[in-house]
Amino acid sequence: MENGKQIARGAVPRHVAIIMDGNNRWAKRRLLPGVAGHKAGVDAVRAVIEVCAESGVEVLTLFAFSSENWQRPADEVGALMELFLSALRREARKLDDNGIRLRIIGDRSRFHPELQAAMRDAEETTAHNRRFILQVAANYGGQWDILQATQRLAREAQAGRLNPDEITPALFEGYLATGELPPPDLCIRTGGEQRISNFLLWQLAYAELYFSDLFWPDFKRQAMRKALADFASRQRRFGKTSEQVEREAKVEC
């Protein structure tokens, strides 16, 4: 893959999720303020979107701001909000021009009304696109997602519109923030840490995990291709044996 070889179509993940970690450490190593790392990370986002769209990935979910990130220094949080606002205003039209639909998931109630309005505008601008879906998780946490889905289901049952015995995993998934989108096949985390940090806890149940030591601003086209090639080399068994998977693959051929 590093040599630019194409991945077999069947080996391409439909949905890639990424925990974009390492912006602050990237900046500190260069004696720059933390916000410089976040700004540099925007270039990595563009590069990764391009590779995913070119490779046949259908959905890319980026963990932009967790519900725990509010605990960071106030000046850093403020700078992140300004960066998010400017990026939405600047990039929405570009996404639309490239046939990319933007979805934003998470609890928006804590964001400034101006930022909430920019989120709605960007989503509405790109809502008609079908080529590729970019999903951004902002003020998102996997525990929050499961809780809000459970609360919505409980209200439906309380109102008599839903029989609790009819709740299935598939039905439950429809109440999660990700809705009807397919679950991630591949979850990437940059920055050298090896944990999922409360990201898409339900949805990542069967995802392949890939950890990169690169800080997010350095995770560009070649690094993304390498991650996709690694995914293509894996055998996904979903509880079956290797022999079963191999036999089924031969039948499909």
C-alpha atoms as a PDB file:
ATOM      1  CA  MET A   1       0.000   0.000   0.000  1.00  0.00           C
ATOM      2  CA  GLU A   2       2.864   2.371   0.742  1.00  0.00           C
ATOM      3  CA  ASN A   3       3.852   1.951  -2.903  1.00  0.00           C
ATOM      4  CA  GLY A   4       0.444   3.190  -4.013  1.00  0.00           C
ATOM      5  CA  LYS A   5      -1.048  -0.250  -4.772  1.00  0.00           C
ATOM      6  CA  GLN A   6      -4.826  -0.447  -4.699  1.00  0.00           C
ATOM      7  CA  ILE A   7      -6.665  -2.455  -2.060  1.00  0.00           C
ATOM      8  CA  ALA A   8      -9.088  -5.116  -3.248  1.00  0.00           C
ATOM      9  CA  ARG A   9     -12.591  -3.630  -3.055  1.00  0.00           C
ATOM     10  CA  GLY A  10     -13.915  -6.332  -0.741  1.00  0.00           C
ATOM     11  CA  ALA A  11     -11.171  -5.575   1.768  1.00  0.00           C
ATOM     12  CA  VAL A  12     -12.050  -1.898   2.125  1.00  0.00           C
ATOM     13  CA  PRO A  13     -13.849  -0.978   5.372  1.00  0.00           C
ATOM     14  CA  ARG A  14     -17.241   0.612   4.834  1.00  0.00           C
ATOM     15  CA  HIS A  15     -16.863   2.735   7.954  1.00  0.00           C
ATOM     16  CA  VAL A  16     -13.630   4.047   9.489  1.00  0.00           C
ATOM     17  CA  ALA A  17     -13.584   5.748  12.890  1.00  0.00           C
ATOM     18  CA  ILE A  18     -10.581   7.753  14.079  1.00  0.00           C
ATOM     19  CA  ILE A  19      -9.506   9.045  17.487  1.00  0.00           C
ATOM     20  CA  MET A  20      -7.362  12.008  16.479  1.00  0.00           C
ATOM     21  CA  ASP A  21      -4.836  12.120  19.322  1.00  0.00           C
ATOM     22  CA  GLY A  22      -1.516  13.908  19.699  1.00  0.00           C
ATOM     23  CA  ASN A  23      -2.192  17.487  18.604  1.00  0.00           C
ATOM     24  CA  ASN A  24      -0.940  19.013  21.856  1.00  0.00           C
ATOM     25  CA  ARG A  25       2.170  16.849  22.025  1.00  0.00           C
ATOM     26  CA  TRP A  26       2.937  17.655  18.387  1.00  0.00           C
ATOM     27  CA  ALA A  27       2.821  21.362  19.231  1.00  0.00           C
ATOM     28  CA  LYS A  28       4.867  21.040  22.429  1.00  0.00           C
ATOM     29  CA  ARG A  29       7.683  19.264  20.593  1.00  0.00           C
ATOM     30  CA  ARG A  30       7.864  22.294  18.336  1.00  0.00           C
ATOM     31  CA  LEU A  31       7.609  24.772  21.231  1.00  0.00           C
ATOM     32  CA  LEU A  32       4.272  25.983  19.890  1.00  0.00           C
ATOM     33  CA  PRO A  33       0.981  26.669  21.698  1.00  0.00           C
ATOM     34  CA  GLY A  34      -1.453  23.771  21.802  1.00  0.00           C
ATOM     35  CA  VAL A  35      -3.874  25.406  19.394  1.00  0.00           C
ATOM     36  CA  ALA A  36      -1.151  25.277  16.714  1.00  0.00           C
ATOM     37  CA  GLY A  37      -1.342  21.500  16.889  1.00  0.00           C
ATOM     38  CA  HIS A  38      -5.100  21.542  16.440  1.00  0.00           C
ATOM     39  CA  LYS A  39      -4.788  23.862  13.444  1.00  0.00           C
ATOM     40  CA  ALA A  40      -2.157  21.569  11.907  1.00  0.00           C
ATOM     41  CA  GLY A  41      -4.503  18.660  12.502  1.00  0.00           C
ATOM     42  CA  VAL A  42      -7.016  20.157  10.065  1.00  0.00           C
ATOM     43  CA  ASP A  43      -4.607  19.400   7.204  1.00  0.00           C
ATOM     44  CA  ALA A  44      -4.474  15.768   8.317  1.00  0.00           C
ATOM     45  CA  VAL A  45      -8.268  15.665   8.284  1.00  0.00           C
ATOM     46  CA  ARG A  46      -8.317  16.810   4.663  1.00  0.00           C
ATOM     47  CA  ALA A  47      -5.710  14.212   3.649  1.00  0.00           C
ATOM     48  CA  VAL A  48      -7.514  11.358   5.392  1.00  0.00           C
ATOM     49  CA  ILE A  49     -10.869  12.314   3.875  1.00  0.00           C
ATOM     50  CA  GLU A  50      -9.306  12.253   0.411  1.00  0.00           C
ATOM     51  CA  VAL A  51      -7.727   8.811   0.890  1.00  0.00           C
ATOM     52  CA  CYS A  52     -10.895   7.309   2.365  1.00  0.00           C
ATOM     53  CA  ALA A  53     -13.124   8.676  -0.402  1.00  0.00           C
ATOM     54  CA  GLU A  54     -10.689   7.545  -3.112  1.00  0.00           C
ATOM     55  CA  SER A  55     -10.403   4.055  -1.587  1.00  0.00           C
ATOM     56  CA  GLY A  56     -14.133   3.379  -1.424  1.00  0.00           C
ATOM     57  CA  VAL A  57     -14.760   3.968   2.271  1.00  0.00           C
ATOM     58  CA  GLU A  58     -18.368   5.109   2.705  1.00  0.00           C
ATOM     59  CA  VAL A  59     -18.294   6.685   6.176  1.00  0.00           C
ATOM     60  CA  LEU A  60     -15.530   8.389   8.168  1.00  0.00           C
ATOM     61  CA  THR A  61     -16.183   9.301  11.804  1.00  0.00           C
ATOM     62  CA  LEU A  62     -13.746  11.645  13.544  1.00  0.00           C
ATOM     63  CA  PHE A  63     -13.601  12.074  17.330  1.00  0.00           C
ATOM     64  CA  ALA A  64     -13.129  15.837  17.422  1.00  0.00           C
ATOM     65  CA  PHE A  65     -14.115  16.764  20.983  1.00  0.00           C
ATOM     66  CA  SER A  66     -15.070  14.380  23.778  1.00  0.00           C
ATOM     67  CA  SER A  67     -17.437  15.121  26.638  1.00  0.00           C
ATOM     68  CA  GLU A  68     -14.367  14.904  28.899  1.00  0.00           C
ATOM     69  CA  ASN A  69     -12.445  17.552  26.943  1.00  0.00           C
ATOM     70  CA  TRP A  70     -14.318  20.340  28.755  1.00  0.00           C
ATOM     71  CA  GLN A  71     -11.930  19.656  31.639  1.00  0.00           C
ATOM     72  CA  ARG A  72      -9.010  21.090  29.652  1.00  0.00           C
ATOM     73  CA  PRO A  73      -7.756  24.653  30.321  1.00  0.00           C
ATOM     74  CA  ALA A  74     -10.405  27.250  29.488  1.00  0.00           C
ATOM     75  CA  ASP A  75      -8.192  29.067  26.989  1.00  0.00           C
ATOM     76  CA  GLU A  76      -7.561  25.837  25.067  1.00  0.00           C
ATOM     77  CA  VAL A  77     -11.263  24.961  25.012  1.00  0.00           C
ATOM     78  CA  GLY A  78     -12.084  28.465  23.798  1.00  0.00           C
ATOM     79  CA  ALA A  79      -9.491  28.218  21.030  1.00  0.00           C
ATOM     80  CA  LEU A  80     -10.895  24.840  19.980  1.00  0.00           C
ATOM     81  CA  MET A  81     -14.411  26.257  19.765  1.00  0.00           C
ATOM     82  CA  GLU A  82     -13.175  29.132  17.584  1.00  0.00           C
ATOM     83  CA  LEU A  83     -11.301  26.681  15.368  1.00  0.00           C
ATOM     84  CA  PHE A  84     -14.368  24.466  15.064  1.00  0.00           C
ATOM     85  CA  LEU A  85     -16.548  27.442  14.140  1.00  0.00           C
ATOM     86  CA  SER A  86     -14.144  28.768  11.513  1.00  0.00           C
ATOM     87  CA  ALA A  87     -13.610  25.284  10.040  1.00  0.00           C
ATOM     88  CA  LEU A  88     -17.360  24.732   9.679  1.00  0.00           C
ATOM     89  CA  ARG A  89     -17.827  28.041   7.897  1.00  0.00           C
ATOM     90  CA  ARG A  90     -14.794  27.547   5.677  1.00  0.00           C
ATOM     91  CA  GLU A  91     -15.125  23.868   4.794  1.00  0.00           C
ATOM     92  CA  ALA A  92     -18.884  23.322   4.400  1.00  0.00           C
ATOM     93  CA  ARG A  93     -18.983  24.580   0.820  1.00  0.00           C
ATOM     94  CA  LYS A  94     -15.870  22.557  -0.079  1.00  0.00           C
ATOM     95  CA  LEU A  95     -17.451  19.415   1.320  1.00  0.00           C
ATOM     96  CA  ASP A  96     -20.586  20.106  -0.693  1.00  0.00           C
ATOM     97  CA  ASP A  97     -18.588  20.662  -3.884  1.00  0.00           C
ATOM     98  CA  ASN A  98     -16.969  17.244  -3.382  1.00  0.00           C
ATOM     99  CA  GLY A  99     -20.218  15.380  -2.771  1.00  0.00           C
ATOM    100  CA  ILE A 100     -19.547  14.874   0.939  1.00  0.00           C
ATOM    101  CA  ARG A 101     -22.334  14.888   3.502  1.00  0.00           C
ATOM    102  CA  LEU A 102     -21.494  16.198   6.977  1.00  0.00           C
ATOM    103  CA  ARG A 103     -23.127  14.756  10.097  1.00  0.00           C
ATOM    104  CA  ILE A 104     -22.325  15.986  13.601  1.00  0.00           C
ATOM    105  CA  ILE A 105     -23.116  13.741  16.567  1.00  0.00           C
ATOM    106  CA  GLY A 106     -22.976  14.504  20.267  1.00  0.00           C
ATOM    107  CA  ASP A 107     -24.723  16.678  22.843  1.00  0.00           C
ATOM    108  CA  ARG A 108     -24.842  20.144  21.268  1.00  0.00           C
ATOM    109  CA  SER A 109     -26.594  21.842  24.174  1.00  0.00           C
ATOM    110  CA  ARG A 110     -23.348  22.971  25.799  1.00  0.00           C
ATOM    111  CA  PHE A 111     -22.021  24.701  22.692  1.00  0.00           C
ATOM    112  CA  HIS A 112     -22.494  28.424  22.075  1.00  0.00           C
ATOM    113  CA  PRO A 113     -25.651  29.175  20.023  1.00  0.00           C
ATOM    114  CA  GLU A 114     -23.490  30.602  17.221  1.00  0.00           C
ATOM    115  CA  LEU A 115     -21.605  27.312  16.945  1.00  0.00           C
ATOM    116  CA  GLN A 116     -24.824  25.312  17.095  1.00  0.00           C
ATOM    117  CA  ALA A 117     -26.198  27.404  14.228  1.00  0.00           C
ATOM    118  CA  ALA A 118     -23.041  26.834  12.179  1.00  0.00           C
ATOM    119  CA  MET A 119     -23.399  23.080  12.744  1.00  0.00           C
ATOM    120  CA  ARG A 120     -26.981  23.127  11.484  1.00  0.00           C
ATOM    121  CA  ASP A 121     -26.071  25.259   8.476  1.00  0.00           C
ATOM    122  CA  ALA A 122     -23.179  22.981   7.475  1.00  0.00           C
ATOM    123  CA  GLU A 123     -25.333  19.867   7.801  1.00  0.00           C
ATOM    124  CA  GLU A 124     -28.149  21.424   5.775  1.00  0.00           C
ATOM    125  CA  THR A 125     -25.736  22.594   3.073  1.00  0.00           C
ATOM    126  CA  THR A 126     -24.402  19.060   2.541  1.00  0.00           C
ATOM    127  CA  ALA A 127     -27.494  16.991   3.398  1.00  0.00           C
ATOM    128  CA  HIS A 128     -28.233  16.014  -0.229  1.00  0.00           C
ATOM    129  CA  ASN A 129     -24.805  14.474  -0.879  1.00  0.00           C
ATOM    130  CA  ARG A 130     -24.408  10.700  -1.235  1.00  0.00           C
ATOM    131  CA  ARG A 131     -20.802  10.134  -2.347  1.00  0.00           C
ATOM    132  CA  PHE A 132     -19.270  10.025   1.144  1.00  0.00           C
ATOM    133  CA  ILE A 133     -20.320  10.725   4.740  1.00  0.00           C
ATOM    134  CA  LEU A 134     -18.078  12.631   7.136  1.00  0.00           C
ATOM    135  CA  GLN A 135     -19.354  12.238  10.684  1.00  0.00           C
ATOM    136  CA  VAL A 136     -17.836  14.436  13.392  1.00  0.00           C
ATOM    137  CA  ALA A 137     -18.252  13.530  17.065  1.00  0.00           C
ATOM    138  CA  ALA A 138     -18.323  16.718  19.147  1.00  0.00           C
ATOM    139  CA  ASN A 139     -19.114  16.787  22.874  1.00  0.00           C
ATOM    140  CA  TYR A 140     -19.615  13.082  22.377  1.00  0.00           C
ATOM    141  CA  GLY A 141     -19.096  10.155  24.724  1.00  0.00           C
ATOM    142  CA  GLY A 142     -20.005   6.527  24.229  1.00  0.00           C
ATOM    143  CA  GLN A 143     -21.633   6.299  27.658  1.00  0.00           C
ATOM    144  CA  TRP A 144     -23.716   9.410  26.925  1.00  0.00           C
ATOM    145  CA  ASP A 145     -24.801   7.878  23.615  1.00  0.00           C
ATOM    146  CA  ILE A 146     -25.966   4.615  25.179  1.00  0.00           C
ATOM    147  CA  LEU A 147     -27.729   6.534  27.958  1.00  0.00           C
ATOM    148  CA  GLN A 148     -29.611   8.877  25.626  1.00  0.00           C
ATOM    149  CA  ALA A 149     -30.684   5.940  23.453  1.00  0.00           C
ATOM    150  CA  THR A 150     -31.933   4.073  26.530  1.00  0.00           C
ATOM    151  CA  GLN A 151     -33.840   7.126  27.760  1.00  0.00           C
ATOM    152  CA  ARG A 152     -35.530   7.598  24.385  1.00  0.00           C
ATOM    153  CA  LEU A 153     -36.546   3.940  24.288  1.00  0.00           C
ATOM    154  CA  ALA A 154     -37.864   4.173  27.858  1.00  0.00           C
ATOM    155  CA  ARG A 155     -40.022   7.170  26.942  1.00  0.00           C
ATOM    156  CA  GLU A 156     -41.393   5.288  23.921  1.00  0.00           C
ATOM    157  CA  ALA A 157     -42.253   2.306  26.128  1.00  0.00           C
ATOM    158  CA  GLN A 158     -43.769   4.534  28.815  1.00  0.00           C
ATOM    159  CA  ALA A 159     -46.010   6.167  26.220  1.00  0.00           C
ATOM    160  CA  GLY A 160     -47.195   2.756  25.054  1.00  0.00           C
ATOM    161  CA  ARG A 161     -45.620   3.083  21.606  1.00  0.00           C
ATOM    162  CA  LEU A 162     -43.065   0.330  22.178  1.00  0.00           C
ATOM    163  CA  ASN A 163     -43.156  -3.113  23.753  1.00  0.00           C
ATOM    164  CA  PRO A 164     -39.916  -3.600  25.744  1.00  0.00           C
ATOM    165  CA  ASP A 165     -39.859  -7.257  24.674  1.00  0.00           C
ATOM    166  CA  GLU A 166     -39.507  -6.097  21.064  1.00  0.00           C
ATOM    167  CA  ILE A 167     -36.274  -4.185  21.675  1.00  0.00           C
ATOM    168  CA  THR A 168     -33.498  -5.859  19.671  1.00  0.00           C
ATOM    169  CA  PRO A 169     -29.858  -4.877  19.124  1.00  0.00           C
ATOM    170  CA  ALA A 170     -30.801  -3.597  15.662  1.00  0.00           C
ATOM    171  CA  LEU A 171     -33.621  -1.461  17.061  1.00  0.00           C
ATOM    172  CA  PHE A 172     -31.374  -0.123  19.823  1.00  0.00           C
ATOM    173  CA  GLU A 173     -28.706   0.869  17.293  1.00  0.00           C
ATOM    174  CA  GLY A 174     -31.249   3.030  15.509  1.00  0.00           C
ATOM    175  CA  TYR A 175     -31.603   5.151  18.647  1.00  0.00           C
ATOM    176  CA  LEU A 176     -27.870   5.762  18.960  1.00  0.00           C
ATOM    177  CA  ALA A 177     -26.432   9.022  17.636  1.00  0.00           C
ATOM    178  CA  THR A 178     -25.016   7.188  14.618  1.00  0.00           C
ATOM    179  CA  GLY A 179     -28.522   6.127  13.614  1.00  0.00           C
ATOM    180  CA  GLU A 180     -28.779   3.798  10.652  1.00  0.00           C
ATOM    181  CA  LEU A 181     -25.147   4.103   9.564  1.00  0.00           C
ATOM    182  CA  PRO A 182     -23.137   0.860   9.494  1.00  0.00           C
ATOM    183  CA  PRO A 183     -20.926   0.281  12.541  1.00  0.00           C
ATOM    184  CA  PRO A 184     -17.209   1.008  12.138  1.00  0.00           C
ATOM    185  CA  ASP A 185     -15.156  -1.799  10.626  1.00  0.00           C
ATOM    186  CA  LEU A 186     -11.875  -0.111  11.521  1.00  0.00           C
ATOM    187  CA  CYS A 187     -11.018   2.173  14.436  1.00  0.00           C
ATOM    188  CA  ILE A 188      -7.727   4.068  14.278  1.00  0.00           C
ATOM    189  CA  ARG A 189      -6.082   5.897  17.158  1.00  0.00           C
ATOM    190  CA  THR A 190      -3.052   8.093  16.622  1.00  0.00           C
ATOM    191  CA  GLY A 191      -0.598   9.451  19.183  1.00  0.00           C
ATOM    192  CA  GLY A 192       0.712   6.182  20.594  1.00  0.00           C
ATOM    193  CA  GLU A 193      -2.019   5.551  23.182  1.00  0.00           C
ATOM    194  CA  GLN A 194      -3.894   2.241  23.081  1.00  0.00           C
ATOM    195  CA  ARG A 195      -7.408   2.804  24.382  1.00  0.00           C
ATOM    196  CA  ILE A 196     -10.749   3.892  22.930  1.00  0.00           C
ATOM    197  CA  SER A 197     -11.484   6.655  25.476  1.00  0.00           C
ATOM    198  CA  ASN A 198     -15.285   6.397  25.654  1.00  0.00           C
ATOM    199  CA  PHE A 199     -15.675   6.553  21.861  1.00  0.00           C
ATOM    200  CA  LEU A 200     -18.528   4.687  20.108  1.00  0.00           C
ATOM    201  CA  LEU A 201     -18.641   2.038  22.854  1.00  0.00           C
ATOM    202  CA  TRP A 202     -21.575   0.097  21.383  1.00  0.00           C
ATOM    203  CA  GLN A 203     -20.648   0.624  17.749  1.00  0.00           C
ATOM    204  CA  LEU A 204     -17.028  -0.586  18.058  1.00  0.00           C
ATOM    205  CA  ALA A 205     -18.019  -4.050  19.320  1.00  0.00           C
ATOM    206  CA  TYR A 206     -16.585  -5.846  16.265  1.00  0.00           C
ATOM    207  CA  ALA A 207     -14.251  -3.201  14.863  1.00  0.00           C
ATOM    208  CA  GLU A 208     -10.627  -3.903  14.055  1.00  0.00           C
ATOM    209  CA  LEU A 209      -8.349  -1.668  16.147  1.00  0.00           C
ATOM    210  CA  TYR A 210      -5.284   0.027  14.679  1.00  0.00           C
ATOM    211  CA  PHE A 211      -2.861   2.112  16.745  1.00  0.00           C
ATOM    212  CA  SER A 212      -0.334   4.513  15.259  1.00  0.00           C
ATOM    213  CA  ASP A 213       2.549   6.189  17.079  1.00  0.00           C
ATOM    214  CA  LEU A 214       2.235   9.212  14.791  1.00  0.00           C
ATOM    215  CA  PHE A 215       0.740  12.355  16.266  1.00  0.00           C
ATOM    216  CA  TRP A 216      -2.437  13.348  14.444  1.00  0.00           C
ATOM    217  CA  PRO A 217      -0.945  16.283  12.455  1.00  0.00           C
ATOM    218  CA  ASP A 218       1.607  13.826  10.999  1.00  0.00           C
ATOM    219  CA  PHE A 219      -1.010  11.224  10.048  1.00  0.00           C
ATOM    220  CA  LYS A 220      -1.347  12.053   6.362  1.00  0.00           C
ATOM    221  CA  ARG A 221      -2.052  10.163   3.135  1.00  0.00           C
ATOM    222  CA  GLN A 222       0.664   7.509   3.387  1.00  0.00           C
ATOM    223  CA  ALA A 223      -0.202   6.742   7.005  1.00  0.00           C
ATOM    224  CA  MET A 224      -3.886   6.347   6.138  1.00  0.00           C
ATOM    225  CA  ARG A 225      -3.067   4.046   3.242  1.00  0.00           C
ATOM    226  CA  LYS A 226      -0.910   1.956   5.565  1.00  0.00           C
ATOM    227  CA  ALA A 227      -3.806   1.598   8.015  1.00  0.00           C
ATOM    228  CA  LEU A 228      -6.172   0.505   5.232  1.00  0.00           C
ATOM    229  CA  ALA A 229      -3.609  -2.011   3.967  1.00  0.00           C
ATOM    230  CA  ASP A 230      -3.265  -3.433   7.478  1.00  0.00           C
ATOM    231  CA  PHE A 231      -7.043  -3.814   7.674  1.00  0.00           C
ATOM    232  CA  ALA A 232      -7.071  -5.613   4.323  1.00  0.00           C
ATOM    233  CA  SER A 233      -4.540  -8.136   5.636  1.00  0.00           C
ATOM    234  CA  ARG A 234      -6.702  -9.176   8.595  1.00  0.00           C
ATOM    235  CA  GLN A 235      -9.209 -11.998   8.742  1.00  0.00           C
ATOM    236  CA  ARG A 236     -12.431 -10.912  10.413  1.00  0.00           C
ATOM    237  CA  ARG A 237     -14.059 -13.959  11.996  1.00  0.00           C
ATOM    238  CA  PHE A 238     -17.008 -12.622  14.048  1.00  0.00           C
ATOM    239  CA  GLY A 239     -16.856 -15.647  16.358  1.00  0.00           C
ATOM    240  CA  LYS A 240     -16.288 -18.215  13.594  1.00  0.00           C
ATOM    241  CA  THR A 241     -13.167 -20.293  13.013  1.00  0.00           C
ATOM    242  CA  SER A 242     -10.587 -19.420  10.378  1.00  0.00           C
ATOM    243  CA  GLU A 243     -11.603 -22.510   8.423  1.00  0.00           C
ATOM    244  CA  GLN A 244     -15.249 -21.422   8.340  1.00  0.00           C
ATOM    245  CA  VAL A 245     -14.348 -17.960   7.121  1.00  0.00           C
ATOM    246  CA  GLU A 246     -12.069 -19.360   4.411  1.00  0.00           C
ATOM    247  CA  ARG A 247     -14.751 -21.793   3.188  1.00  0.00           C
ATOM    248  CA  GLU A 248     -17.341 -19.017   3.028  1.00  0.00           C
ATOM    249  CA  ALA A 249     -14.926 -16.799   1.106  1.00  0.00           C
ATOM    250  CA  LYS A 250     -14.389 -19.557  -1.472  1.00  0.00           C
ATOM    251  CA  VAL A 251     -18.149 -20.009  -1.894  1.00  0.00           C
ATOM    252  CA  GLU A 252     -18.595 -16.264  -2.479  1.00  0.00           C
ATOM    253  CA  CYS A 253     -15.908 -16.369  -5.172  1.00  0.00           C
END
